[in-house]
N, C-alpha and C. Protein backbone atom coordinates (compact mmCIF):
# COMPACT_ATOMS: atom_id res chain seq x y z
N UNK A 1 106.39 186.74 74.72
CA UNK A 1 105.19 186.11 75.17
C UNK A 1 105.55 185.06 76.22
N UNK A 2 104.89 185.12 77.31
CA UNK A 2 105.14 184.19 78.41
C UNK A 2 104.07 183.11 78.39
N UNK A 3 104.55 181.87 78.58
CA UNK A 3 103.61 180.74 78.61
C UNK A 3 103.09 180.54 80.01
N UNK A 4 101.84 180.31 80.12
CA UNK A 4 101.24 180.01 81.41
C UNK A 4 100.78 178.57 81.39
N UNK A 5 101.04 177.86 82.45
CA UNK A 5 100.62 176.46 82.58
C UNK A 5 99.20 176.40 83.11
N UNK A 6 98.49 175.48 82.56
CA UNK A 6 97.13 175.28 83.05
C UNK A 6 97.20 174.49 84.35
N UNK A 7 96.69 175.02 85.39
CA UNK A 7 96.74 174.35 86.68
C UNK A 7 95.61 173.36 86.87
N UNK A 8 94.64 173.37 85.99
CA UNK A 8 93.50 172.46 86.13
C UNK A 8 93.88 171.01 85.86
N UNK A 9 94.91 170.78 85.05
CA UNK A 9 95.33 169.43 84.70
C UNK A 9 96.39 168.88 85.66
N UNK A 10 96.75 169.63 86.61
CA UNK A 10 97.81 169.23 87.52
C UNK A 10 97.40 168.01 88.34
N UNK A 11 98.26 166.94 88.34
CA UNK A 11 98.01 165.75 89.15
C UNK A 11 97.17 164.68 88.47
N UNK A 12 96.75 164.90 87.24
CA UNK A 12 95.91 163.89 86.58
C UNK A 12 96.68 162.63 86.26
N UNK A 13 97.96 162.75 85.93
CA UNK A 13 98.76 161.56 85.64
C UNK A 13 98.89 160.69 86.88
N UNK A 14 99.07 161.30 88.01
CA UNK A 14 99.15 160.55 89.26
C UNK A 14 97.84 159.85 89.56
N UNK A 15 96.76 160.54 89.35
CA UNK A 15 95.45 159.96 89.59
C UNK A 15 95.20 158.78 88.65
N UNK A 16 95.57 158.91 87.39
CA UNK A 16 95.41 157.81 86.45
C UNK A 16 96.26 156.61 86.86
N UNK A 17 97.47 156.87 87.31
CA UNK A 17 98.35 155.78 87.76
C UNK A 17 97.76 155.06 88.96
N UNK A 18 97.18 155.82 89.88
CA UNK A 18 96.57 155.22 91.07
C UNK A 18 95.37 154.36 90.68
N UNK A 19 94.63 154.77 89.68
CA UNK A 19 93.46 154.01 89.25
C UNK A 19 93.87 152.77 88.47
N UNK A 20 94.82 152.90 87.56
CA UNK A 20 95.18 151.79 86.67
C UNK A 20 96.15 150.79 87.28
N UNK A 21 96.96 151.17 88.25
CA UNK A 21 97.96 150.25 88.82
C UNK A 21 97.33 148.98 89.40
N UNK A 22 96.29 149.06 90.22
CA UNK A 22 95.70 147.81 90.74
C UNK A 22 95.11 146.93 89.64
N UNK A 23 94.53 147.56 88.63
CA UNK A 23 93.96 146.79 87.52
C UNK A 23 95.06 146.03 86.79
N UNK A 24 96.16 146.69 86.52
CA UNK A 24 97.28 146.04 85.83
C UNK A 24 97.92 144.95 86.69
N UNK A 25 98.00 145.18 87.98
CA UNK A 25 98.56 144.15 88.87
C UNK A 25 97.65 142.92 88.93
N UNK A 26 96.35 143.13 88.96
CA UNK A 26 95.41 142.00 88.94
C UNK A 26 95.53 141.23 87.63
N UNK A 27 95.65 141.94 86.54
CA UNK A 27 95.79 141.29 85.24
C UNK A 27 97.09 140.48 85.18
N UNK A 28 98.18 141.03 85.69
CA UNK A 28 99.44 140.30 85.73
C UNK A 28 99.32 139.06 86.62
N UNK A 29 98.63 139.19 87.73
CA UNK A 29 98.41 138.04 88.61
C UNK A 29 97.61 136.94 87.93
N UNK A 30 96.60 137.32 87.16
CA UNK A 30 95.80 136.33 86.42
C UNK A 30 96.65 135.62 85.36
N UNK A 31 97.52 136.36 84.70
CA UNK A 31 98.40 135.74 83.70
C UNK A 31 99.34 134.76 84.37
N UNK A 32 99.90 135.12 85.50
CA UNK A 32 100.80 134.21 86.23
C UNK A 32 100.04 132.98 86.71
N UNK A 33 98.84 133.17 87.22
CA UNK A 33 98.04 132.03 87.68
C UNK A 33 97.70 131.10 86.53
N UNK A 34 97.32 131.66 85.39
CA UNK A 34 97.02 130.82 84.22
C UNK A 34 98.26 130.05 83.78
N UNK A 35 99.41 130.70 83.83
CA UNK A 35 100.66 130.02 83.48
C UNK A 35 100.96 128.88 84.42
N UNK A 36 100.77 129.10 85.71
CA UNK A 36 101.00 128.02 86.68
C UNK A 36 100.07 126.85 86.45
N UNK A 37 98.83 127.14 86.13
CA UNK A 37 97.85 126.07 85.91
C UNK A 37 98.22 125.26 84.66
N UNK A 38 98.59 125.95 83.59
CA UNK A 38 98.96 125.25 82.36
C UNK A 38 100.23 124.43 82.55
N UNK A 39 101.25 125.04 83.14
CA UNK A 39 102.51 124.33 83.37
C UNK A 39 102.29 123.18 84.34
N UNK A 40 101.51 123.40 85.38
CA UNK A 40 101.22 122.33 86.34
C UNK A 40 100.49 121.17 85.70
N UNK A 41 99.51 121.46 84.85
CA UNK A 41 98.78 120.40 84.16
C UNK A 41 99.69 119.60 83.24
N UNK A 42 100.56 120.29 82.52
CA UNK A 42 101.50 119.60 81.64
C UNK A 42 102.49 118.75 82.41
N UNK A 43 102.96 119.27 83.54
CA UNK A 43 103.91 118.51 84.35
C UNK A 43 103.27 117.27 84.94
N UNK A 44 102.02 117.37 85.38
CA UNK A 44 101.33 116.21 85.95
C UNK A 44 101.06 115.17 84.86
N UNK A 45 100.70 115.61 83.66
CA UNK A 45 100.50 114.67 82.55
C UNK A 45 101.80 113.94 82.20
N UNK A 46 102.90 114.68 82.14
CA UNK A 46 104.20 114.06 81.85
C UNK A 46 104.59 113.08 82.95
N UNK A 47 104.32 113.45 84.20
CA UNK A 47 104.64 112.56 85.32
C UNK A 47 103.81 111.28 85.24
N UNK A 48 102.55 111.39 84.86
CA UNK A 48 101.70 110.19 84.74
C UNK A 48 102.20 109.28 83.63
N UNK A 49 102.60 109.86 82.50
CA UNK A 49 103.14 109.03 81.40
C UNK A 49 104.42 108.33 81.82
N UNK A 50 105.33 109.09 82.45
CA UNK A 50 106.60 108.49 82.90
C UNK A 50 106.35 107.39 83.92
N UNK A 51 105.45 107.64 84.85
CA UNK A 51 105.16 106.66 85.90
C UNK A 51 104.54 105.40 85.31
N UNK A 52 103.64 105.55 84.35
CA UNK A 52 103.01 104.38 83.72
C UNK A 52 104.06 103.56 82.97
N UNK A 53 104.94 104.24 82.28
CA UNK A 53 105.99 103.52 81.54
C UNK A 53 106.90 102.77 82.50
N UNK A 54 107.32 103.41 83.57
CA UNK A 54 108.19 102.73 84.53
C UNK A 54 107.47 101.57 85.21
N UNK A 55 106.20 101.74 85.51
CA UNK A 55 105.44 100.66 86.14
C UNK A 55 105.29 99.47 85.19
N UNK A 56 105.16 99.74 83.90
CA UNK A 56 105.00 98.64 82.93
C UNK A 56 106.27 97.83 82.76
N UNK A 57 107.40 98.41 83.12
CA UNK A 57 108.68 97.69 83.00
C UNK A 57 108.98 96.81 84.20
N UNK A 58 108.24 96.99 85.29
CA UNK A 58 108.48 96.23 86.52
C UNK A 58 107.98 94.80 86.35
N UNK A 59 108.54 93.90 87.16
CA UNK A 59 108.17 92.48 87.08
C UNK A 59 107.06 92.10 88.06
N UNK A 60 106.90 92.87 89.13
CA UNK A 60 105.90 92.55 90.14
C UNK A 60 105.03 93.78 90.41
N UNK A 61 103.82 93.57 90.91
CA UNK A 61 102.96 94.72 91.23
C UNK A 61 103.57 95.66 92.26
N UNK A 62 104.23 95.13 93.28
CA UNK A 62 104.82 96.01 94.29
C UNK A 62 105.97 96.83 93.71
N UNK A 63 106.76 96.21 92.84
CA UNK A 63 107.84 96.95 92.18
C UNK A 63 107.26 98.01 91.24
N UNK A 64 106.14 97.68 90.61
CA UNK A 64 105.49 98.65 89.71
C UNK A 64 105.03 99.87 90.49
N UNK A 65 104.46 99.66 91.67
CA UNK A 65 103.99 100.79 92.48
C UNK A 65 105.16 101.67 92.92
N UNK A 66 106.23 101.05 93.40
CA UNK A 66 107.36 101.85 93.89
C UNK A 66 108.06 102.57 92.74
N UNK A 67 108.19 101.92 91.57
CA UNK A 67 108.82 102.58 90.43
C UNK A 67 107.95 103.73 89.92
N UNK A 68 106.64 103.55 89.93
CA UNK A 68 105.73 104.61 89.47
C UNK A 68 105.81 105.82 90.39
N UNK A 69 105.80 105.60 91.69
CA UNK A 69 105.88 106.70 92.65
C UNK A 69 107.20 107.46 92.49
N UNK A 70 108.30 106.72 92.43
CA UNK A 70 109.61 107.37 92.28
C UNK A 70 109.70 108.15 90.97
N UNK A 71 109.18 107.57 89.91
CA UNK A 71 109.22 108.23 88.61
C UNK A 71 108.36 109.50 88.59
N UNK A 72 107.18 109.43 89.18
CA UNK A 72 106.30 110.60 89.22
C UNK A 72 106.92 111.73 90.03
N UNK A 73 107.47 111.40 91.19
CA UNK A 73 108.11 112.43 92.02
C UNK A 73 109.28 113.06 91.29
N UNK A 74 110.09 112.24 90.62
CA UNK A 74 111.25 112.75 89.91
C UNK A 74 110.83 113.62 88.73
N UNK A 75 109.80 113.21 88.00
CA UNK A 75 109.32 113.99 86.85
C UNK A 75 108.77 115.34 87.29
N UNK A 76 108.02 115.37 88.38
CA UNK A 76 107.48 116.64 88.88
C UNK A 76 108.59 117.55 89.38
N UNK A 77 109.58 116.96 90.02
CA UNK A 77 110.72 117.75 90.50
C UNK A 77 111.50 118.33 89.32
N UNK A 78 111.67 117.53 88.27
CA UNK A 78 112.38 117.98 87.07
C UNK A 78 111.66 119.16 86.42
N UNK A 79 110.34 119.16 86.48
CA UNK A 79 109.54 120.24 85.90
C UNK A 79 109.46 121.47 86.82
N UNK A 80 109.98 121.35 88.03
CA UNK A 80 109.96 122.47 88.96
C UNK A 80 108.65 122.64 89.71
N UNK A 81 107.81 121.62 89.68
CA UNK A 81 106.53 121.68 90.37
C UNK A 81 106.70 121.13 91.78
N UNK A 82 106.45 121.95 92.76
CA UNK A 82 106.64 121.54 94.14
C UNK A 82 105.30 121.15 94.75
N UNK A 83 105.11 119.84 94.85
CA UNK A 83 103.89 119.33 95.46
C UNK A 83 104.18 117.93 95.97
N UNK A 84 103.28 117.43 96.77
CA UNK A 84 103.38 116.07 97.28
C UNK A 84 102.39 115.23 96.49
N UNK A 85 102.86 114.52 95.45
CA UNK A 85 101.92 113.85 94.56
C UNK A 85 101.28 112.62 95.19
N UNK A 86 100.05 112.36 94.77
CA UNK A 86 99.36 111.12 95.09
C UNK A 86 99.38 110.29 93.82
N UNK A 87 99.93 109.08 93.92
CA UNK A 87 100.06 108.22 92.75
C UNK A 87 99.27 106.94 92.99
N UNK A 88 98.30 106.68 92.13
CA UNK A 88 97.50 105.45 92.20
C UNK A 88 97.88 104.58 91.00
N UNK A 89 98.26 103.34 91.29
CA UNK A 89 98.71 102.43 90.24
C UNK A 89 97.76 101.24 90.19
N UNK A 90 97.20 100.96 89.02
CA UNK A 90 96.32 99.80 88.83
C UNK A 90 97.16 98.69 88.20
N UNK A 91 97.49 97.70 89.03
CA UNK A 91 98.31 96.57 88.56
C UNK A 91 97.48 95.30 88.44
N UNK A 92 96.19 95.43 88.30
CA UNK A 92 95.32 94.25 88.26
C UNK A 92 95.61 93.33 87.07
N UNK A 93 96.16 93.86 86.00
CA UNK A 93 96.42 93.04 84.82
C UNK A 93 97.78 92.34 84.87
N UNK A 94 98.52 92.55 85.94
CA UNK A 94 99.80 91.84 86.08
C UNK A 94 99.58 90.33 86.21
N UNK A 95 98.41 89.93 86.66
CA UNK A 95 98.12 88.51 86.86
C UNK A 95 97.76 87.76 85.59
N UNK A 96 97.64 88.43 84.50
CA UNK A 96 97.28 87.75 83.25
C UNK A 96 98.42 86.85 82.79
N UNK A 97 98.09 85.75 82.15
CA UNK A 97 99.14 84.83 81.69
C UNK A 97 99.96 85.44 80.56
N UNK A 98 101.23 85.05 80.45
CA UNK A 98 102.06 85.54 79.34
C UNK A 98 101.41 85.21 77.99
N UNK A 99 101.57 86.11 77.05
CA UNK A 99 100.98 85.94 75.73
C UNK A 99 99.67 86.67 75.55
N UNK A 100 99.09 87.18 76.63
CA UNK A 100 97.86 87.96 76.53
C UNK A 100 98.17 89.44 76.75
N UNK A 101 97.37 90.28 76.14
CA UNK A 101 97.58 91.72 76.28
C UNK A 101 97.26 92.17 77.70
N UNK A 102 98.09 93.03 78.22
CA UNK A 102 97.88 93.58 79.56
C UNK A 102 98.44 95.00 79.59
N UNK A 103 97.96 95.78 80.53
CA UNK A 103 98.42 97.16 80.66
C UNK A 103 98.39 97.55 82.13
N UNK A 104 99.14 98.58 82.43
CA UNK A 104 99.14 99.15 83.78
C UNK A 104 98.71 100.61 83.63
N UNK A 105 97.85 101.06 84.52
CA UNK A 105 97.41 102.46 84.46
C UNK A 105 97.83 103.17 85.74
N UNK A 106 98.17 104.43 85.57
CA UNK A 106 98.65 105.26 86.68
C UNK A 106 97.89 106.58 86.67
N UNK A 107 97.46 107.01 87.84
CA UNK A 107 96.84 108.32 88.00
C UNK A 107 97.69 109.12 88.98
N UNK A 108 98.09 110.30 88.55
CA UNK A 108 98.90 111.19 89.38
C UNK A 108 98.06 112.41 89.71
N UNK A 109 98.08 112.79 90.97
CA UNK A 109 97.33 113.95 91.45
C UNK A 109 98.29 114.85 92.22
N UNK A 110 98.20 116.14 91.95
CA UNK A 110 99.11 117.09 92.58
C UNK A 110 98.34 118.39 92.84
N UNK A 111 98.57 119.00 93.98
CA UNK A 111 97.91 120.26 94.32
C UNK A 111 98.88 121.41 94.04
N UNK A 112 98.50 122.28 93.12
CA UNK A 112 99.32 123.43 92.75
C UNK A 112 98.86 124.63 93.57
N UNK A 113 99.79 125.25 94.27
CA UNK A 113 99.46 126.39 95.12
C UNK A 113 99.28 127.66 94.29
N UNK A 114 98.23 128.38 94.59
CA UNK A 114 97.99 129.69 94.00
C UNK A 114 97.82 130.75 95.08
N UNK A 115 97.99 130.36 96.32
CA UNK A 115 97.71 131.26 97.45
C UNK A 115 98.69 132.42 97.54
N UNK A 116 99.89 132.28 96.95
CA UNK A 116 100.84 133.38 97.03
C UNK A 116 100.55 134.48 96.00
N UNK A 117 99.62 134.22 95.10
CA UNK A 117 99.18 135.25 94.16
C UNK A 117 97.98 135.97 94.76
N UNK A 118 98.08 137.26 94.89
CA UNK A 118 97.00 138.02 95.51
C UNK A 118 96.07 138.49 94.40
N UNK A 119 95.18 137.59 93.99
CA UNK A 119 94.21 137.91 92.95
C UNK A 119 92.83 137.53 93.48
N UNK A 120 91.93 138.48 93.43
CA UNK A 120 90.58 138.24 93.94
C UNK A 120 89.88 137.18 93.10
N UNK A 121 89.22 136.26 93.78
CA UNK A 121 88.46 135.24 93.09
C UNK A 121 89.22 133.97 92.79
N UNK A 122 90.52 133.96 93.01
CA UNK A 122 91.30 132.74 92.76
C UNK A 122 91.27 131.86 94.00
N UNK A 123 91.15 130.55 93.79
CA UNK A 123 91.24 129.64 94.95
C UNK A 123 92.68 129.59 95.44
N UNK A 124 92.87 129.12 96.65
CA UNK A 124 94.21 129.03 97.21
C UNK A 124 95.06 127.95 96.58
N UNK A 125 94.42 126.95 95.99
CA UNK A 125 95.14 125.86 95.34
C UNK A 125 94.24 125.23 94.29
N UNK A 126 94.87 124.53 93.37
CA UNK A 126 94.11 123.82 92.33
C UNK A 126 94.68 122.42 92.20
N UNK A 127 93.81 121.43 92.20
CA UNK A 127 94.24 120.04 92.09
C UNK A 127 94.35 119.65 90.62
N UNK A 128 95.54 119.19 90.25
CA UNK A 128 95.79 118.71 88.89
C UNK A 128 95.77 117.19 88.93
N UNK A 129 95.11 116.59 87.96
CA UNK A 129 95.01 115.13 87.92
C UNK A 129 95.20 114.67 86.49
N UNK A 130 96.02 113.62 86.30
CA UNK A 130 96.22 113.05 84.97
C UNK A 130 96.41 111.55 85.09
N UNK A 131 95.96 110.84 84.07
CA UNK A 131 96.10 109.39 84.03
C UNK A 131 96.81 108.99 82.75
N UNK A 132 97.49 107.85 82.82
CA UNK A 132 98.17 107.31 81.64
C UNK A 132 98.15 105.79 81.73
N UNK A 133 98.14 105.16 80.57
CA UNK A 133 98.14 103.70 80.48
C UNK A 133 99.33 103.29 79.63
N UNK A 134 100.03 102.26 80.08
CA UNK A 134 101.17 101.75 79.32
C UNK A 134 101.04 100.23 79.21
N UNK A 135 101.26 99.68 78.02
CA UNK A 135 101.12 98.23 77.86
C UNK A 135 102.27 97.48 78.52
N UNK A 136 101.94 96.29 79.01
CA UNK A 136 102.95 95.38 79.56
C UNK A 136 103.32 94.43 78.43
N UNK A 137 104.59 94.16 78.27
CA UNK A 137 105.05 93.26 77.21
C UNK A 137 104.37 91.91 77.37
N UNK A 138 103.59 91.46 76.38
CA UNK A 138 102.82 90.22 76.54
C UNK A 138 103.69 88.96 76.55
N UNK A 139 104.91 89.05 76.06
CA UNK A 139 105.76 87.85 75.97
C UNK A 139 106.82 87.80 77.05
N UNK A 140 106.71 88.64 78.01
CA UNK A 140 107.65 88.67 79.12
C UNK A 140 107.05 87.89 80.28
N UNK A 141 107.88 87.23 81.02
CA UNK A 141 107.41 86.51 82.20
C UNK A 141 106.94 87.47 83.26
N UNK A 142 105.81 87.16 83.89
CA UNK A 142 105.28 88.05 84.93
C UNK A 142 105.41 87.35 86.23
C-alpha cells in the first residue's frame, strides 16, 4: 500500500508562522518595555533616596545640592539607566536652628527611552519621577 500525501494542507505551517510571528514580536516588545519601565522606576526611586541621604549629610545648602546631584547620577549609572537626570533639592530647612527637626527633600526625574522598541502605541520615552525626604541631624551645627 502506497501512502499519498494530502496536498491541501501544504504550506499551512508557513502561513501560521507568518501570521503569528508579528503578534509574538509585539508581545515580546511589550514585555521588554514593561521591564524597562519597572526597572527605570526602581532605579529613579533608589537614586532619590541616595541623593536625599547624601544631601542630609552636607553642612551647607550648596554642598547638599552638589552631593545630591552626584549621588543621583552615580546611583542611576550603577543601575545601568542611561539618562540625564534632573535633580531638585529643597534645602529650605537648613536654616533652622540646631535642636529643631529639619529635613531635606530631593526629587529626581529621568527620561527612559522606549523609542528603540518597535511596538505600536508606545511613546518614544517615559518620564520617571521620584521624591525622597531625609532628616537632618537636629544636634549638628548647620
